[in-house]
């Protein structure tokens, strides 16, 4: 469900196909509320965050709860600039300078949640 699904709903149908009697249900009101993002986690491929020099590294961000639209950004500790947006980021041909701690930051409006830091080591 998304916030734009707020509204009043009912359903109808044919009660008896022999008589062709159409019937409608009572209306119900659906009210959706925003949920701030929480439970942000960051995972890495290859496992344990150890990648060989020149190989690829994939950082995936997941959110346990939160209504959309959600914005994703990945940061390396010590660098304020986001590395990429979207829930998945692939770094091709990693170098020595790609080692470090990474975090995923998820925002929805004024609400922001971050993952725990994840260590990446380029071997």
N, C-alpha and C. Protein backbone atom coordinates (compact mmCIF):
# COMPACT_ATOMS: atom_id res chain seq x y z
N UNK A 1 0.83 -1.19 0.00
CA UNK A 1 0.00 0.00 0.00
C UNK A 1 0.87 1.24 0.00
N UNK A 2 0.40 2.27 -0.59
CA UNK A 2 1.07 3.57 -0.60
C UNK A 2 0.11 4.61 -0.02
N UNK A 3 0.66 5.75 0.35
CA UNK A 3 -0.17 6.78 0.98
C UNK A 3 -1.31 7.23 0.08
N UNK A 4 -1.14 7.18 -1.24
CA UNK A 4 -2.21 7.62 -2.13
C UNK A 4 -3.38 6.62 -2.18
N UNK A 5 -3.27 5.50 -1.48
CA UNK A 5 -4.37 4.54 -1.43
C UNK A 5 -5.40 4.89 -0.35
N UNK A 6 -5.22 6.00 0.37
CA UNK A 6 -6.23 6.47 1.33
C UNK A 6 -7.56 6.61 0.60
N UNK A 7 -8.66 6.31 1.29
CA UNK A 7 -9.95 6.52 0.67
C UNK A 7 -11.02 5.59 1.19
N UNK A 8 -12.15 5.62 0.51
CA UNK A 8 -13.31 4.82 0.88
C UNK A 8 -13.48 3.71 -0.16
N UNK A 9 -13.67 2.48 0.33
CA UNK A 9 -13.76 1.33 -0.56
C UNK A 9 -15.01 0.50 -0.27
N UNK A 10 -15.52 -0.12 -1.32
CA UNK A 10 -16.61 -1.10 -1.17
C UNK A 10 -16.45 -2.11 -2.29
N UNK A 11 -17.20 -3.17 -2.21
CA UNK A 11 -17.18 -4.14 -3.30
C UNK A 11 -18.62 -4.55 -3.61
N UNK A 12 -18.80 -5.08 -4.77
CA UNK A 12 -20.13 -5.51 -5.19
C UNK A 12 -20.04 -6.78 -5.99
N UNK A 13 -21.15 -7.42 -6.10
CA UNK A 13 -21.16 -8.64 -6.88
C UNK A 13 -22.58 -9.16 -7.07
N UNK A 14 -22.67 -10.13 -7.91
CA UNK A 14 -23.94 -10.77 -8.20
C UNK A 14 -24.18 -11.84 -7.15
N UNK A 15 -25.29 -11.72 -6.43
CA UNK A 15 -25.59 -12.64 -5.34
C UNK A 15 -26.06 -13.98 -5.87
N UNK A 16 -26.95 -13.98 -6.83
CA UNK A 16 -27.50 -15.23 -7.36
C UNK A 16 -27.57 -15.08 -8.87
N UNK A 17 -26.81 -15.88 -9.60
CA UNK A 17 -26.73 -15.70 -11.04
C UNK A 17 -28.06 -16.00 -11.73
N UNK A 18 -28.94 -16.75 -11.11
CA UNK A 18 -30.24 -17.06 -11.71
C UNK A 18 -31.17 -15.85 -11.68
N UNK A 19 -31.09 -15.05 -10.60
CA UNK A 19 -31.97 -13.90 -10.43
C UNK A 19 -31.30 -12.61 -10.92
N UNK A 20 -30.00 -12.62 -11.07
CA UNK A 20 -29.23 -11.43 -11.48
C UNK A 20 -29.40 -10.29 -10.50
N UNK A 21 -29.30 -10.58 -9.23
CA UNK A 21 -29.42 -9.56 -8.20
C UNK A 21 -28.02 -9.07 -7.83
N UNK A 22 -27.80 -7.77 -7.98
CA UNK A 22 -26.51 -7.16 -7.69
C UNK A 22 -26.55 -6.59 -6.27
N UNK A 23 -25.49 -6.80 -5.50
CA UNK A 23 -25.45 -6.32 -4.12
C UNK A 23 -24.11 -5.64 -3.86
N UNK A 24 -24.15 -4.60 -3.03
CA UNK A 24 -22.94 -3.85 -2.67
C UNK A 24 -22.69 -3.97 -1.18
N UNK A 25 -21.41 -4.04 -0.81
CA UNK A 25 -21.04 -4.07 0.60
C UNK A 25 -21.11 -2.67 1.19
N UNK A 26 -21.04 -2.58 2.52
CA UNK A 26 -20.89 -1.29 3.17
C UNK A 26 -19.52 -0.73 2.84
N UNK A 27 -19.42 0.59 2.85
CA UNK A 27 -18.14 1.22 2.57
C UNK A 27 -17.25 1.15 3.81
N UNK A 28 -15.94 1.01 3.57
CA UNK A 28 -14.95 1.08 4.64
C UNK A 28 -13.94 2.16 4.26
N UNK A 29 -13.45 2.85 5.28
CA UNK A 29 -12.46 3.90 5.05
C UNK A 29 -11.08 3.38 5.40
N UNK A 30 -10.14 3.55 4.50
CA UNK A 30 -8.76 3.15 4.71
C UNK A 30 -7.93 4.43 4.88
N UNK A 31 -7.23 4.51 6.02
CA UNK A 31 -6.37 5.65 6.31
C UNK A 31 -4.97 5.13 6.57
N UNK A 32 -4.03 5.55 5.75
CA UNK A 32 -2.65 5.12 5.89
C UNK A 32 -1.83 6.23 6.52
N UNK A 33 -0.82 5.85 7.28
CA UNK A 33 0.03 6.81 7.97
C UNK A 33 1.48 6.58 7.57
N UNK A 34 2.26 7.64 7.59
CA UNK A 34 3.69 7.53 7.30
C UNK A 34 4.38 6.77 8.42
N UNK A 35 5.36 5.98 8.04
CA UNK A 35 6.21 5.28 8.99
C UNK A 35 7.65 5.66 8.69
N UNK A 36 8.33 6.20 9.69
CA UNK A 36 9.72 6.61 9.50
C UNK A 36 10.58 5.38 9.20
N UNK A 37 11.61 5.54 8.37
CA UNK A 37 12.47 4.39 8.08
C UNK A 37 13.20 3.92 9.33
N UNK A 38 13.31 2.60 9.48
CA UNK A 38 14.03 2.03 10.61
C UNK A 38 14.52 0.64 10.21
N UNK A 39 15.41 0.12 11.02
CA UNK A 39 15.96 -1.20 10.75
C UNK A 39 16.79 -1.23 9.48
N UNK A 40 17.63 -0.21 9.28
CA UNK A 40 18.46 -0.13 8.08
C UNK A 40 19.67 -1.04 8.26
N UNK A 41 19.93 -1.86 7.25
CA UNK A 41 21.10 -2.74 7.30
C UNK A 41 21.85 -2.65 5.98
N UNK A 42 23.15 -2.87 6.05
CA UNK A 42 24.01 -2.84 4.88
C UNK A 42 24.71 -4.17 4.78
N UNK A 43 24.64 -4.80 3.62
CA UNK A 43 25.34 -6.07 3.39
C UNK A 43 26.30 -5.90 2.23
N UNK A 44 27.25 -6.82 2.14
CA UNK A 44 28.31 -6.69 1.15
C UNK A 44 28.54 -8.04 0.48
N UNK A 45 28.91 -7.96 -0.79
CA UNK A 45 29.31 -9.14 -1.55
C UNK A 45 30.62 -8.79 -2.21
N UNK A 46 31.71 -9.47 -2.03
CA UNK A 46 31.84 -10.78 -1.40
C UNK A 46 31.69 -10.72 0.12
N UNK A 47 31.41 -11.89 0.70
CA UNK A 47 31.16 -11.98 2.15
C UNK A 47 32.32 -11.43 2.97
N UNK A 48 32.00 -10.98 4.14
CA UNK A 48 32.94 -10.44 5.13
C UNK A 48 33.60 -9.15 4.67
N UNK A 49 33.20 -8.61 3.52
CA UNK A 49 33.74 -7.34 3.07
C UNK A 49 35.19 -7.39 2.66
N UNK A 50 35.68 -8.56 2.31
CA UNK A 50 37.06 -8.69 1.84
C UNK A 50 37.04 -8.93 0.35
N UNK A 51 37.62 -8.00 -0.40
CA UNK A 51 37.59 -8.06 -1.85
C UNK A 51 39.01 -7.91 -2.40
N UNK A 52 39.31 -8.66 -3.43
CA UNK A 52 40.64 -8.59 -4.04
C UNK A 52 40.76 -7.32 -4.88
N UNK A 53 41.95 -6.76 -4.87
CA UNK A 53 42.25 -5.57 -5.66
C UNK A 53 41.85 -5.80 -7.12
N UNK A 54 41.06 -4.88 -7.67
CA UNK A 54 40.61 -4.98 -9.06
C UNK A 54 39.28 -5.69 -9.26
N UNK A 55 38.79 -6.39 -8.22
CA UNK A 55 37.50 -7.08 -8.33
C UNK A 55 36.34 -6.11 -8.08
N UNK A 56 35.12 -6.64 -8.13
CA UNK A 56 33.92 -5.83 -7.89
C UNK A 56 33.43 -6.01 -6.47
N UNK A 57 32.80 -4.98 -5.96
CA UNK A 57 32.22 -4.97 -4.62
C UNK A 57 30.78 -4.51 -4.76
N UNK A 58 29.85 -5.22 -4.13
CA UNK A 58 28.43 -4.85 -4.17
C UNK A 58 27.98 -4.52 -2.75
N UNK A 59 27.42 -3.34 -2.56
CA UNK A 59 26.86 -2.91 -1.28
C UNK A 59 25.34 -2.83 -1.44
N UNK A 60 24.61 -3.57 -0.58
CA UNK A 60 23.15 -3.60 -0.66
C UNK A 60 22.56 -3.10 0.64
N UNK A 61 21.61 -2.19 0.51
CA UNK A 61 20.96 -1.57 1.66
C UNK A 61 19.53 -2.10 1.77
N UNK A 62 19.11 -2.46 2.98
CA UNK A 62 17.75 -2.95 3.21
C UNK A 62 17.12 -2.15 4.35
N UNK A 63 15.79 -2.03 4.31
CA UNK A 63 15.04 -1.29 5.31
C UNK A 63 13.94 -2.19 5.84
N UNK A 64 13.86 -2.36 7.17
CA UNK A 64 12.83 -3.21 7.77
C UNK A 64 11.46 -2.54 7.71
N UNK A 65 11.41 -1.23 7.97
CA UNK A 65 10.14 -0.51 7.96
C UNK A 65 10.35 0.88 7.37
N UNK A 66 9.28 1.41 6.78
CA UNK A 66 9.31 2.77 6.24
C UNK A 66 8.39 2.88 5.05
N UNK A 67 7.66 3.99 5.00
CA UNK A 67 6.81 4.25 3.85
C UNK A 67 7.62 5.04 2.84
N UNK A 68 7.22 5.02 1.63
CA UNK A 68 7.98 5.64 0.55
C UNK A 68 7.47 7.01 0.20
N UNK A 69 8.12 7.64 -0.74
CA UNK A 69 9.32 7.14 -1.39
C UNK A 69 10.54 7.30 -0.49
N UNK A 70 11.40 6.28 -0.49
CA UNK A 70 12.61 6.29 0.32
C UNK A 70 13.80 6.68 -0.56
N UNK A 71 14.72 7.42 0.03
CA UNK A 71 15.96 7.78 -0.66
C UNK A 71 17.12 7.07 0.02
N UNK A 72 17.98 6.47 -0.78
CA UNK A 72 19.12 5.73 -0.26
C UNK A 72 20.41 6.46 -0.63
N UNK A 73 21.37 6.43 0.29
CA UNK A 73 22.71 6.95 0.00
C UNK A 73 23.72 6.13 0.79
N UNK A 74 24.86 5.87 0.18
CA UNK A 74 25.93 5.16 0.84
C UNK A 74 27.09 6.11 1.04
N UNK A 75 27.72 6.03 2.20
CA UNK A 75 28.83 6.92 2.52
C UNK A 75 30.01 6.11 3.05
N UNK A 76 31.19 6.56 2.72
CA UNK A 76 32.40 6.00 3.34
C UNK A 76 32.75 6.94 4.49
N UNK A 77 33.09 6.37 5.65
CA UNK A 77 33.45 7.18 6.81
C UNK A 77 34.56 8.15 6.43
N UNK A 78 34.41 9.38 6.85
CA UNK A 78 35.41 10.40 6.54
C UNK A 78 35.13 11.14 5.25
N UNK A 79 34.12 10.68 4.51
CA UNK A 79 33.77 11.36 3.25
C UNK A 79 32.30 11.76 3.34
N UNK A 80 32.02 13.03 3.16
CA UNK A 80 30.65 13.50 3.23
C UNK A 80 29.86 13.25 1.97
N UNK A 81 30.55 13.01 0.87
CA UNK A 81 29.86 12.84 -0.41
C UNK A 81 29.27 11.43 -0.52
N UNK A 82 28.01 11.33 -0.95
CA UNK A 82 27.43 10.00 -1.13
C UNK A 82 28.09 9.27 -2.30
N UNK A 83 28.28 7.96 -2.12
CA UNK A 83 28.89 7.14 -3.18
C UNK A 83 27.88 6.77 -4.25
N UNK A 84 26.62 6.73 -3.89
CA UNK A 84 25.60 6.36 -4.86
C UNK A 84 24.24 6.36 -4.21
N UNK A 85 23.22 6.32 -5.02
CA UNK A 85 21.85 6.29 -4.53
C UNK A 85 21.20 5.00 -5.00
N UNK A 86 20.08 4.66 -4.41
CA UNK A 86 19.41 3.40 -4.73
C UNK A 86 19.82 2.34 -3.73
N UNK A 87 19.04 1.27 -3.62
CA UNK A 87 19.32 0.25 -2.61
C UNK A 87 20.54 -0.62 -2.91
N UNK A 88 21.07 -0.57 -4.13
CA UNK A 88 22.21 -1.43 -4.51
C UNK A 88 23.26 -0.59 -5.23
N UNK A 89 24.52 -0.80 -4.85
CA UNK A 89 25.62 -0.09 -5.48
C UNK A 89 26.72 -1.09 -5.79
N UNK A 90 27.19 -1.08 -7.03
CA UNK A 90 28.30 -1.95 -7.43
C UNK A 90 29.49 -1.09 -7.79
N UNK A 91 30.60 -1.39 -7.13
CA UNK A 91 31.87 -0.71 -7.42
C UNK A 91 32.72 -1.67 -8.23
N UNK A 92 33.06 -1.27 -9.45
CA UNK A 92 33.88 -2.11 -10.33
C UNK A 92 35.35 -1.76 -10.14
N UNK A 93 36.21 -2.74 -10.21
CA UNK A 93 37.66 -2.55 -10.17
C UNK A 93 38.08 -1.75 -8.93
N UNK A 94 37.80 -2.29 -7.74
CA UNK A 94 38.14 -1.57 -6.51
C UNK A 94 39.64 -1.40 -6.38
N UNK A 95 40.02 -0.31 -5.74
CA UNK A 95 41.43 -0.01 -5.52
C UNK A 95 41.73 0.08 -4.04
N UNK A 96 42.99 0.35 -3.73
CA UNK A 96 43.42 0.45 -2.32
C UNK A 96 42.63 1.50 -1.56
N UNK A 97 42.24 2.58 -2.23
CA UNK A 97 41.52 3.66 -1.55
C UNK A 97 40.05 3.32 -1.29
N UNK A 98 39.58 2.14 -1.70
CA UNK A 98 38.18 1.75 -1.46
C UNK A 98 38.01 1.02 -0.13
N UNK A 99 39.10 0.73 0.59
CA UNK A 99 38.99 0.14 1.92
C UNK A 99 38.41 1.16 2.89
N UNK A 100 37.71 0.70 3.91
CA UNK A 100 37.18 1.59 4.94
C UNK A 100 35.85 1.14 5.47
N UNK A 101 35.25 2.00 6.27
CA UNK A 101 33.93 1.73 6.84
C UNK A 101 32.87 2.41 5.99
N UNK A 102 31.78 1.67 5.72
CA UNK A 102 30.68 2.19 4.93
C UNK A 102 29.40 2.16 5.75
N UNK A 103 28.50 3.09 5.45
CA UNK A 103 27.17 3.14 6.06
C UNK A 103 26.15 3.39 4.96
N UNK A 104 24.93 2.94 5.23
CA UNK A 104 23.81 3.25 4.35
C UNK A 104 22.89 4.21 5.10
N UNK A 105 22.48 5.27 4.45
CA UNK A 105 21.58 6.25 5.04
C UNK A 105 20.29 6.26 4.23
N UNK A 106 19.16 6.08 4.90
CA UNK A 106 17.85 6.07 4.25
C UNK A 106 17.04 7.23 4.78
N UNK A 107 16.44 7.99 3.87
CA UNK A 107 15.63 9.14 4.30
C UNK A 107 14.27 9.12 3.61
N UNK A 108 13.32 9.64 4.34
CA UNK A 108 11.95 9.81 3.83
C UNK A 108 11.46 11.12 4.44
N UNK A 109 11.45 12.16 3.63
CA UNK A 109 11.09 13.47 4.17
C UNK A 109 12.13 13.92 5.17
N UNK A 110 11.69 14.25 6.39
CA UNK A 110 12.60 14.70 7.44
C UNK A 110 13.18 13.56 8.26
N UNK A 111 12.71 12.34 8.06
CA UNK A 111 13.17 11.19 8.84
C UNK A 111 14.38 10.53 8.17
N UNK A 112 15.40 10.26 8.98
CA UNK A 112 16.63 9.63 8.48
C UNK A 112 17.01 8.50 9.42
N UNK A 113 17.46 7.38 8.84
CA UNK A 113 17.97 6.26 9.62
C UNK A 113 19.24 5.75 8.95
N UNK A 114 20.20 5.28 9.75
CA UNK A 114 21.47 4.79 9.22
C UNK A 114 21.71 3.36 9.66
N UNK A 115 22.48 2.66 8.84
CA UNK A 115 22.92 1.31 9.20
C UNK A 115 24.12 1.40 10.14
N UNK A 116 24.43 0.28 10.76
CA UNK A 116 25.69 0.17 11.50
C UNK A 116 26.81 0.22 10.45
N UNK A 117 28.01 0.60 10.88
CA UNK A 117 29.12 0.63 9.92
C UNK A 117 29.51 -0.78 9.49
N UNK A 118 29.96 -0.89 8.26
CA UNK A 118 30.40 -2.16 7.70
C UNK A 118 31.82 -1.96 7.18
N UNK A 119 32.74 -2.83 7.59
CA UNK A 119 34.14 -2.72 7.19
C UNK A 119 34.38 -3.42 5.86
N UNK A 120 35.08 -2.74 4.98
CA UNK A 120 35.49 -3.31 3.69
C UNK A 120 37.00 -3.24 3.63
N UNK A 121 37.61 -4.38 3.26
CA UNK A 121 39.06 -4.45 3.14
C UNK A 121 39.41 -4.89 1.74
N UNK A 122 40.22 -4.10 1.06
CA UNK A 122 40.72 -4.47 -0.27
C UNK A 122 42.06 -5.17 -0.05
N UNK A 123 42.13 -6.42 -0.52
CA UNK A 123 43.33 -7.24 -0.32
C UNK A 123 44.29 -7.09 -1.48
